PDB file of N, CA and C in Angstrom:
ATOM      1  N   MET A   1       7.844   3.281 -11.417  1.00  0.00           N
ATOM      2  CA  MET A   1       6.620   2.511 -11.441  1.00  0.00           C
ATOM      3  C   MET A   1       5.500   3.421 -11.949  1.00  0.00           C
ATOM      4  N   ASP A   2       4.773   2.953 -12.943  1.00  0.00           N
ATOM      5  CA  ASP A   2       3.690   3.769 -13.487  1.00  0.00           C
ATOM      6  C   ASP A   2       2.406   3.557 -12.681  1.00  0.00           C
ATOM      7  N   ARG A   3       1.387   4.312 -13.030  1.00  0.00           N
ATOM      8  CA  ARG A   3       0.124   4.326 -12.292  1.00  0.00           C
ATOM      9  C   ARG A   3      -0.537   2.949 -12.248  1.00  0.00           C
ATOM     10  N   SER A   4      -0.586   2.245 -13.371  1.00  0.00           N
ATOM     11  CA  SER A   4      -1.264   0.940 -13.393  1.00  0.00           C
ATOM     12  C   SER A   4      -0.529  -0.079 -12.524  1.00  0.00           C
ATOM     13  N   GLU A   5       0.785  -0.025 -12.490  1.00  0.00           N
ATOM     14  CA  GLU A   5       1.541  -0.927 -11.614  1.00  0.00           C
ATOM     15  C   GLU A   5       1.300  -0.601 -10.149  1.00  0.00           C
ATOM     16  N   ARG A   6       1.258   0.693  -9.824  1.00  0.00           N
ATOM     17  CA  ARG A   6       0.996   1.110  -8.442  1.00  0.00           C
ATOM     18  C   ARG A   6      -0.401   0.690  -8.006  1.00  0.00           C
ATOM     19  N   ASN A   7      -1.380   0.865  -8.900  1.00  0.00           N
ATOM     20  CA  ASN A   7      -2.745   0.456  -8.588  1.00  0.00           C
ATOM     21  C   ASN A   7      -2.840  -1.052  -8.396  1.00  0.00           C
ATOM     22  N   ALA A   8      -2.176  -1.819  -9.262  1.00  0.00           N
ATOM     23  CA  ALA A   8      -2.207  -3.286  -9.159  1.00  0.00           C
ATOM     24  C   ALA A   8      -1.555  -3.746  -7.862  1.00  0.00           C
ATOM     25  N   ARG A   9      -0.450  -3.121  -7.491  1.00  0.00           N
ATOM     26  CA  ARG A   9       0.222  -3.490  -6.246  1.00  0.00           C
ATOM     27  C   ARG A   9      -0.669  -3.195  -5.040  1.00  0.00           C
ATOM     28  N   ALA A  10      -1.333  -2.048  -5.038  1.00  0.00           N
ATOM     29  CA  ALA A  10      -2.226  -1.704  -3.934  1.00  0.00           C
ATOM     30  C   ALA A  10      -3.409  -2.665  -3.881  1.00  0.00           C
ATOM     31  N   TRP A  11      -3.959  -3.034  -5.038  1.00  0.00           N
ATOM     32  CA  TRP A  11      -5.123  -3.931  -5.102  1.00  0.00           C
ATOM     33  C   TRP A  11      -4.768  -5.316  -4.575  1.00  0.00           C
ATOM     34  N   GLN A  12      -3.540  -5.767  -4.823  1.00  0.00           N
ATOM     35  CA  GLN A  12      -3.115  -7.099  -4.399  1.00  0.00           C
ATOM     36  C   GLN A  12      -2.706  -7.162  -2.934  1.00  0.00           C
ATOM     37  N   ASP A  13      -2.520  -6.026  -2.296  1.00  0.00           N
ATOM     38  CA  ASP A  13      -2.105  -5.998  -0.890  1.00  0.00           C
ATOM     39  C   ASP A  13      -3.294  -6.342   0.006  1.00  0.00           C
ATOM     40  N   PRO A  14      -3.225  -7.449   0.755  1.00  0.00           N
ATOM     41  CA  PRO A  14      -4.342  -7.834   1.625  1.00  0.00           C
ATOM     42  C   PRO A  14      -4.645  -6.792   2.702  1.00  0.00           C
ATOM     43  N   GLY A  15      -3.671  -5.967   3.058  1.00  0.00           N
ATOM     44  CA  GLY A  15      -3.887  -4.940   4.067  1.00  0.00           C
ATOM     45  C   GLY A  15      -4.824  -3.826   3.625  1.00  0.00           C
ATOM     46  N   ASN A  16      -5.090  -3.724   2.329  1.00  0.00           N
ATOM     47  CA  ASN A  16      -5.988  -2.690   1.823  1.00  0.00           C
ATOM     48  C   ASN A  16      -7.443  -3.148   1.769  1.00  0.00           C
ATOM     49  N   TRP A  17      -7.686  -4.400   2.112  1.00  0.00           N
ATOM     50  CA  TRP A  17      -9.044  -4.937   2.104  1.00  0.00           C
ATOM     51  C   TRP A  17      -9.539  -5.015   3.541  1.00  0.00           C
ATOM     52  N   ILE A  18     -10.731  -4.515   3.790  1.00  0.00           N
ATOM     53  CA  ILE A  18     -11.304  -4.486   5.128  1.00  0.00           C
ATOM     54  C   ILE A  18     -12.188  -5.723   5.277  1.00  0.00           C
ATOM     55  N   GLY A  19     -11.891  -6.548   6.254  1.00  0.00           N
ATOM     56  CA  GLY A  19     -12.662  -7.771   6.457  1.00  0.00           C
ATOM     57  C   GLY A  19     -12.354  -8.786   5.364  1.00  0.00           C
ATOM     58  N   GLN A  20     -13.333  -9.604   5.052  1.00  0.00           N
ATOM     59  CA  GLN A  20     -13.170 -10.613   4.007  1.00  0.00           C
ATOM     60  C   GLN A  20     -13.097  -9.928   2.648  1.00  0.00           C
ATOM     61  N   ARG A  21     -12.192 -10.380   1.801  1.00  0.00           N
ATOM     62  CA  ARG A  21     -12.003  -9.735   0.494  1.00  0.00           C
ATOM     63  C   ARG A  21     -13.237  -9.861  -0.380  1.00  0.00           C
ATOM     64  N   TRP A  22     -13.994 -10.949  -0.240  1.00  0.00           N
ATOM     65  CA  TRP A  22     -15.167 -11.123  -1.093  1.00  0.00           C
ATOM     66  C   TRP A  22     -16.276 -10.130  -0.746  1.00  0.00           C
ATOM     67  N   LEU A  23     -16.218  -9.528   0.456  1.00  0.00           N
ATOM     68  CA  LEU A  23     -17.200  -8.497   0.813  1.00  0.00           C
ATOM     69  C   LEU A  23     -16.994  -7.237  -0.015  1.00  0.00           C
ATOM     70  N   GLY A  24     -15.767  -7.003  -0.423  1.00  0.00           N
ATOM     71  CA  GLY A  24     -15.490  -5.888  -1.309  1.00  0.00           C
ATOM     72  C   GLY A  24     -15.290  -4.551  -0.638  1.00  0.00           C
ATOM     73  N   LEU A  25     -14.880  -4.520   0.629  1.00  0.00           N
ATOM     74  CA  LEU A  25     -14.588  -3.254   1.278  1.00  0.00           C
ATOM     75  C   LEU A  25     -13.101  -2.965   1.098  1.00  0.00           C
ATOM     76  N   TYR A  26     -12.800  -1.975   0.293  1.00  0.00           N
ATOM     77  CA  TYR A  26     -11.435  -1.679  -0.134  1.00  0.00           C
ATOM     78  C   TYR A  26     -11.086  -0.243   0.198  1.00  0.00           C
ATOM     79  N   ARG A  27      -9.864  -0.043   0.733  1.00  0.00           N
ATOM     80  CA  ARG A  27      -9.410   1.306   1.070  1.00  0.00           C
ATOM     81  C   ARG A  27      -7.919   1.395   0.804  1.00  0.00           C
ATOM     82  N   SER A  28      -7.545   2.177  -0.197  1.00  0.00           N
ATOM     83  CA  SER A  28      -6.133   2.369  -0.507  1.00  0.00           C
ATOM     84  C   SER A  28      -5.907   3.764  -1.072  1.00  0.00           C
ATOM     85  N   ALA A  29      -5.154   4.558  -0.340  1.00  0.00           N
ATOM     86  CA  ALA A  29      -4.815   5.902  -0.806  1.00  0.00           C
ATOM     87  C   ALA A  29      -3.825   5.838  -1.971  1.00  0.00           C
ATOM     88  N   ASP A  30      -3.085   4.729  -2.088  1.00  0.00           N
ATOM     89  CA  ASP A  30      -2.125   4.584  -3.186  1.00  0.00           C
ATOM     90  C   ASP A  30      -2.804   4.261  -4.509  1.00  0.00           C
ATOM     91  N   ASP A  31      -4.027   3.779  -4.463  1.00  0.00           N
ATOM     92  CA  ASP A  31      -4.778   3.412  -5.669  1.00  0.00           C
ATOM     93  C   ASP A  31      -5.647   4.609  -6.048  1.00  0.00           C
ATOM     94  N   ASP A  32      -5.430   5.168  -7.229  1.00  0.00           N
ATOM     95  CA  ASP A  32      -6.164   6.372  -7.613  1.00  0.00           C
ATOM     96  C   ASP A  32      -7.498   6.080  -8.284  1.00  0.00           C
ATOM     97  N   ARG A  33      -7.872   4.812  -8.402  1.00  0.00           N
ATOM     98  CA  ARG A  33      -9.156   4.466  -9.015  1.00  0.00           C
ATOM     99  C   ARG A  33     -10.287   4.615  -7.998  1.00  0.00           C
ATOM    100  N   LEU A  34     -11.452   5.018  -8.468  1.00  0.00           N
ATOM    101  CA  LEU A  34     -12.634   5.077  -7.617  1.00  0.00           C
ATOM    102  C   LEU A  34     -13.302   3.710  -7.563  1.00  0.00           C
ATOM    103  N   TRP A  35     -13.464   3.072  -8.713  1.00  0.00           N
ATOM    104  CA  TRP A  35     -14.075   1.743  -8.814  1.00  0.00           C
ATOM    105  C   TRP A  35     -12.977   0.716  -9.029  1.00  0.00           C
ATOM    106  N   VAL A  36     -12.970  -0.328  -8.223  1.00  0.00           N
ATOM    107  CA  VAL A  36     -11.983  -1.408  -8.348  1.00  0.00           C
ATOM    108  C   VAL A  36     -12.708  -2.745  -8.357  1.00  0.00           C
ATOM    109  N   PRO A  37     -12.148  -3.745  -9.038  1.00  0.00           N
ATOM    110  CA  PRO A  37     -12.791  -5.059  -9.041  1.00  0.00           C
ATOM    111  C   PRO A  37     -12.654  -5.743  -7.685  1.00  0.00           C
ATOM    112  N   LYS A  38     -13.670  -6.515  -7.324  1.00  0.00           N
ATOM    113  CA  LYS A  38     -13.609  -7.292  -6.095  1.00  0.00           C
ATOM    114  C   LYS A  38     -12.718  -8.502  -6.303  1.00  0.00           C
ATOM    115  N   VAL A  39     -12.448  -9.205  -5.217  1.00  0.00           N
ATOM    116  CA  VAL A  39     -11.706 -10.464  -5.272  1.00  0.00           C
ATOM    117  C   VAL A  39     -12.649 -11.549  -4.801  1.00  0.00           C
ATOM    118  N   PRO A  40     -13.000 -12.523  -5.596  1.00  0.00           N
ATOM    119  CA  PRO A  40     -12.625 -12.697  -6.990  1.00  0.00           C
ATOM    120  C   PRO A  40     -13.364 -11.709  -7.890  1.00  0.00           C
ATOM    121  N   ARG A  41     -12.790 -11.450  -9.024  1.00  0.00           N
ATOM    122  CA  ARG A  41     -13.319 -10.447  -9.949  1.00  0.00           C
ATOM    123  C   ARG A  41     -14.738 -10.755 -10.417  1.00  0.00           C
ATOM    124  N   ALA A  42     -15.122 -12.026 -10.384  1.00  0.00           N
ATOM    125  CA  ALA A  42     -16.459 -12.415 -10.830  1.00  0.00           C
ATOM    126  C   ALA A  42     -17.560 -11.832  -9.942  1.00  0.00           C
ATOM    127  N   LEU A  43     -17.214 -11.361  -8.746  1.00  0.00           N
ATOM    128  CA  LEU A  43     -18.206 -10.790  -7.841  1.00  0.00           C
ATOM    129  C   LEU A  43     -18.536  -9.340  -8.144  1.00  0.00           C
ATOM    130  N   GLY A  44     -17.867  -8.750  -9.111  1.00  0.00           N
ATOM    131  CA  GLY A  44     -18.208  -7.389  -9.515  1.00  0.00           C
ATOM    132  C   GLY A  44     -17.187  -6.360  -9.087  1.00  0.00           C
ATOM    133  N   TRP A  45     -17.682  -5.169  -8.760  1.00  0.00           N
ATOM    134  CA  TRP A  45     -16.832  -4.026  -8.472  1.00  0.00           C
ATOM    135  C   TRP A  45     -17.198  -3.431  -7.116  1.00  0.00           C
ATOM    136  N   THR A  46     -16.267  -2.675  -6.543  1.00  0.00           N
ATOM    137  CA  THR A  46     -16.500  -1.967  -5.298  1.00  0.00           C
ATOM    138  C   THR A  46     -15.853  -0.585  -5.394  1.00  0.00           C
ATOM    139  N   VAL A  47     -16.157   0.263  -4.437  1.00  0.00           N
ATOM    140  CA  VAL A  47     -15.571   1.606  -4.432  1.00  0.00           C
ATOM    141  C   VAL A  47     -14.348   1.632  -3.527  1.00  0.00           C
ATOM    142  N   ASN A  48     -13.423   2.513  -3.848  1.00  0.00           N
ATOM    143  CA  ASN A  48     -12.242   2.732  -3.034  1.00  0.00           C
ATOM    144  C   ASN A  48     -12.624   3.720  -1.937  1.00  0.00           C
ATOM    145  N   LEU A  49     -12.689   3.244  -0.700  1.00  0.00           N
ATOM    146  CA  LEU A  49     -13.129   4.076   0.413  1.00  0.00           C
ATOM    147  C   LEU A  49     -12.080   5.094   0.858  1.00  0.00           C
ATOM    148  N   ALA A  50     -10.904   5.065   0.274  1.00  0.00           N
ATOM    149  CA  ALA A  50      -9.901   6.086   0.559  1.00  0.00           C
ATOM    150  C   ALA A  50     -10.194   7.369  -0.216  1.00  0.00           C
ATOM    151  N   ARG A  51     -11.090   7.300  -1.159  1.00  0.00           N
ATOM    152  CA  ARG A  51     -11.508   8.469  -1.937  1.00  0.00           C
ATOM    153  C   ARG A  51     -12.793   9.029  -1.301  1.00  0.00           C
ATOM    154  N   PRO A  52     -12.864  10.334  -1.045  1.00  0.00           N
ATOM    155  CA  PRO A  52     -14.072  10.903  -0.433  1.00  0.00           C
ATOM    156  C   PRO A  52     -15.345  10.589  -1.225  1.00  0.00           C
ATOM    157  N   VAL A  53     -15.265  10.591  -2.533  1.00  0.00           N
ATOM    158  CA  VAL A  53     -16.443  10.274  -3.351  1.00  0.00           C
ATOM    159  C   VAL A  53     -16.851   8.820  -3.143  1.00  0.00           C
ATOM    160  N   GLY A  54     -15.881   7.941  -2.887  1.00  0.00           N
ATOM    161  CA  GLY A  54     -16.181   6.535  -2.643  1.00  0.00           C
ATOM    162  C   GLY A  54     -17.021   6.350  -1.394  1.00  0.00           C
ATOM    163  N   VAL A  55     -16.717   7.094  -0.348  1.00  0.00           N
ATOM    164  CA  VAL A  55     -17.494   7.020   0.890  1.00  0.00           C
ATOM    165  C   VAL A  55     -18.921   7.521   0.639  1.00  0.00           C
ATOM    166  N   ILE A  56     -19.056   8.592  -0.111  1.00  0.00           N
ATOM    167  CA  ILE A  56     -20.380   9.143  -0.418  1.00  0.00           C
ATOM    168  C   ILE A  56     -21.192   8.137  -1.231  1.00  0.00           C
ATOM    169  N   ILE A  57     -20.559   7.502  -2.205  1.00  0.00           N
ATOM    170  CA  ILE A  57     -21.258   6.504  -3.020  1.00  0.00           C
ATOM    171  C   ILE A  57     -21.717   5.343  -2.153  1.00  0.00           C
ATOM    172  N   LEU A  58     -20.850   4.844  -1.265  1.00  0.00           N
ATOM    173  CA  LEU A  58     -21.226   3.731  -0.397  1.00  0.00           C
ATOM    174  C   LEU A  58     -22.394   4.114   0.507  1.00  0.00           C
ATOM    175  N   MET A  59     -22.353   5.305   1.093  1.00  0.00           N
ATOM    176  CA  MET A  59     -23.459   5.742   1.953  1.00  0.00           C
ATOM    177  C   MET A  59     -24.750   5.868   1.157  1.00  0.00           C
ATOM    178  N   ALA A  60     -24.673   6.387  -0.062  1.00  0.00           N
ATOM    179  CA  ALA A  60     -25.875   6.523  -0.895  1.00  0.00           C
ATOM    180  C   ALA A  60     -26.456   5.157  -1.233  1.00  0.00           C
ATOM    181  N   LEU A  61     -25.603   4.182  -1.518  1.00  0.00           N
ATOM    182  CA  LEU A  61     -26.091   2.837  -1.814  1.00  0.00           C
ATOM    183  C   LEU A  61     -26.764   2.199  -0.605  1.00  0.00           C
ATOM    184  N   VAL A  62     -26.171   2.370   0.577  1.00  0.00           N
ATOM    185  CA  VAL A  62     -26.770   1.816   1.802  1.00  0.00           C
ATOM    186  C   VAL A  62     -28.124   2.467   2.066  1.00  0.00           C
ATOM    187  N   VAL A  63     -28.206   3.773   1.947  1.00  0.00           N
ATOM    188  CA  VAL A  63     -29.482   4.469   2.169  1.00  0.00           C
ATOM    189  C   VAL A  63     -30.519   4.025   1.145  1.00  0.00           C
ATOM    190  N   ALA A  64     -30.129   3.865  -0.104  1.00  0.00           N
ATOM    191  CA  ALA A  64     -31.065   3.419  -1.139  1.00  0.00           C
ATOM    192  C   ALA A  64     -31.608   2.034  -0.831  1.00  0.00           C
ATOM    193  N   VAL A  65     -30.746   1.130  -0.386  1.00  0.00           N
ATOM    194  CA  VAL A  65     -31.197  -0.222  -0.045  1.00  0.00           C
ATOM    195  C   VAL A  65     -32.140  -0.178   1.158  1.00  0.00           C
ATOM    196  N   LEU A  66     -31.824   0.616   2.169  1.00  0.00           N
ATOM    197  CA  LEU A  66     -32.697   0.719   3.334  1.00  0.00           C
ATOM    198  C   LEU A  66     -34.052   1.316   2.970  1.00  0.00           C
ATOM    199  N   LEU A  67     -34.057   2.340   2.133  1.00  0.00           N
ATOM    200  CA  LEU A  67     -35.326   2.936   1.705  1.00  0.00           C
ATOM    201  C   LEU A  67     -36.158   1.954   0.894  1.00  0.00           C
ATOM    202  N   LEU A  68     -35.513   1.209   0.034  1.00  0.00           N
ATOM    203  CA  LEU A  68     -36.212   0.202  -0.759  1.00  0.00           C
ATOM    204  C   LEU A  68     -36.787  -0.890   0.139  1.00  0.00           C
ATOM    205  N   ALA A  69     -36.001  -1.341   1.120  1.00  0.00           N
ATOM    206  CA  ALA A  69     -36.495  -2.371   2.039  1.00  0.00           C
ATOM    207  C   ALA A  69     -37.667  -1.835   2.851  1.00  0.00           C
ATOM    208  N   TYR A  70     -37.605  -0.600   3.299  1.00  0.00           N
ATOM    209  CA  TYR A  70     -38.701  -0.004   4.048  1.00  0.00           C
ATOM    210  C   TYR A  70     -39.955   0.112   3.177  1.00  0.00           C
ATOM    211  N   ALA A  71     -39.770   0.487   1.919  1.00  0.00           N
ATOM    212  CA  ALA A  71     -40.928   0.625   1.019  1.00  0.00           C
ATOM    213  C   ALA A  71     -41.593  -0.728   0.760  1.00  0.00           C
ATOM    214  N   VAL A  72     -40.791  -1.776   0.677  1.00  0.00           N
ATOM    215  CA  VAL A  72     -41.354  -3.101   0.399  1.00  0.00           C
ATOM    216  C   VAL A  72     -41.991  -3.687   1.660  1.00  0.00           C
ATOM    217  N   VAL A  73     -41.311  -3.621   2.784  1.00  0.00           N
ATOM    218  CA  VAL A  73     -41.797  -4.221   4.025  1.00  0.00           C
ATOM    219  C   VAL A  73     -42.862  -3.340   4.682  1.00  0.00           C
ATOM    220  N   GLY A  74     -42.655  -2.045   4.646  1.00  0.00           N
ATOM    221  CA  GLY A  74     -43.575  -1.129   5.311  1.00  0.00           C
ATOM    222  C   GLY A  74     -44.844  -0.858   4.530  1.00  0.00           C
ATOM    223  N   ALA A  75     -44.937  -1.293   3.305  1.00  0.00           N
ATOM    224  CA  ALA A  75     -46.091  -0.991   2.470  1.00  0.00           C
ATOM    225  C   ALA A  75     -47.267  -1.810   2.793  1.00  0.00           C
TER     226      ALA A  75
END
């Protein structure tokens, strides 16, 4: 099995999705991609939380949204 088949199999496994699939929380050590499409694909992309960089990206996005909300509401 080549890399793309392994990644596709991991992406299709419901056990690799945390919570509702449309939320886009994905964690699979078998999938070597950092960015993966959400289900359904029309909702965009998400990070693979099994990758350390993926966790850092998710935390940075959450902090950015909180800072932006504070700047808008707190101003």
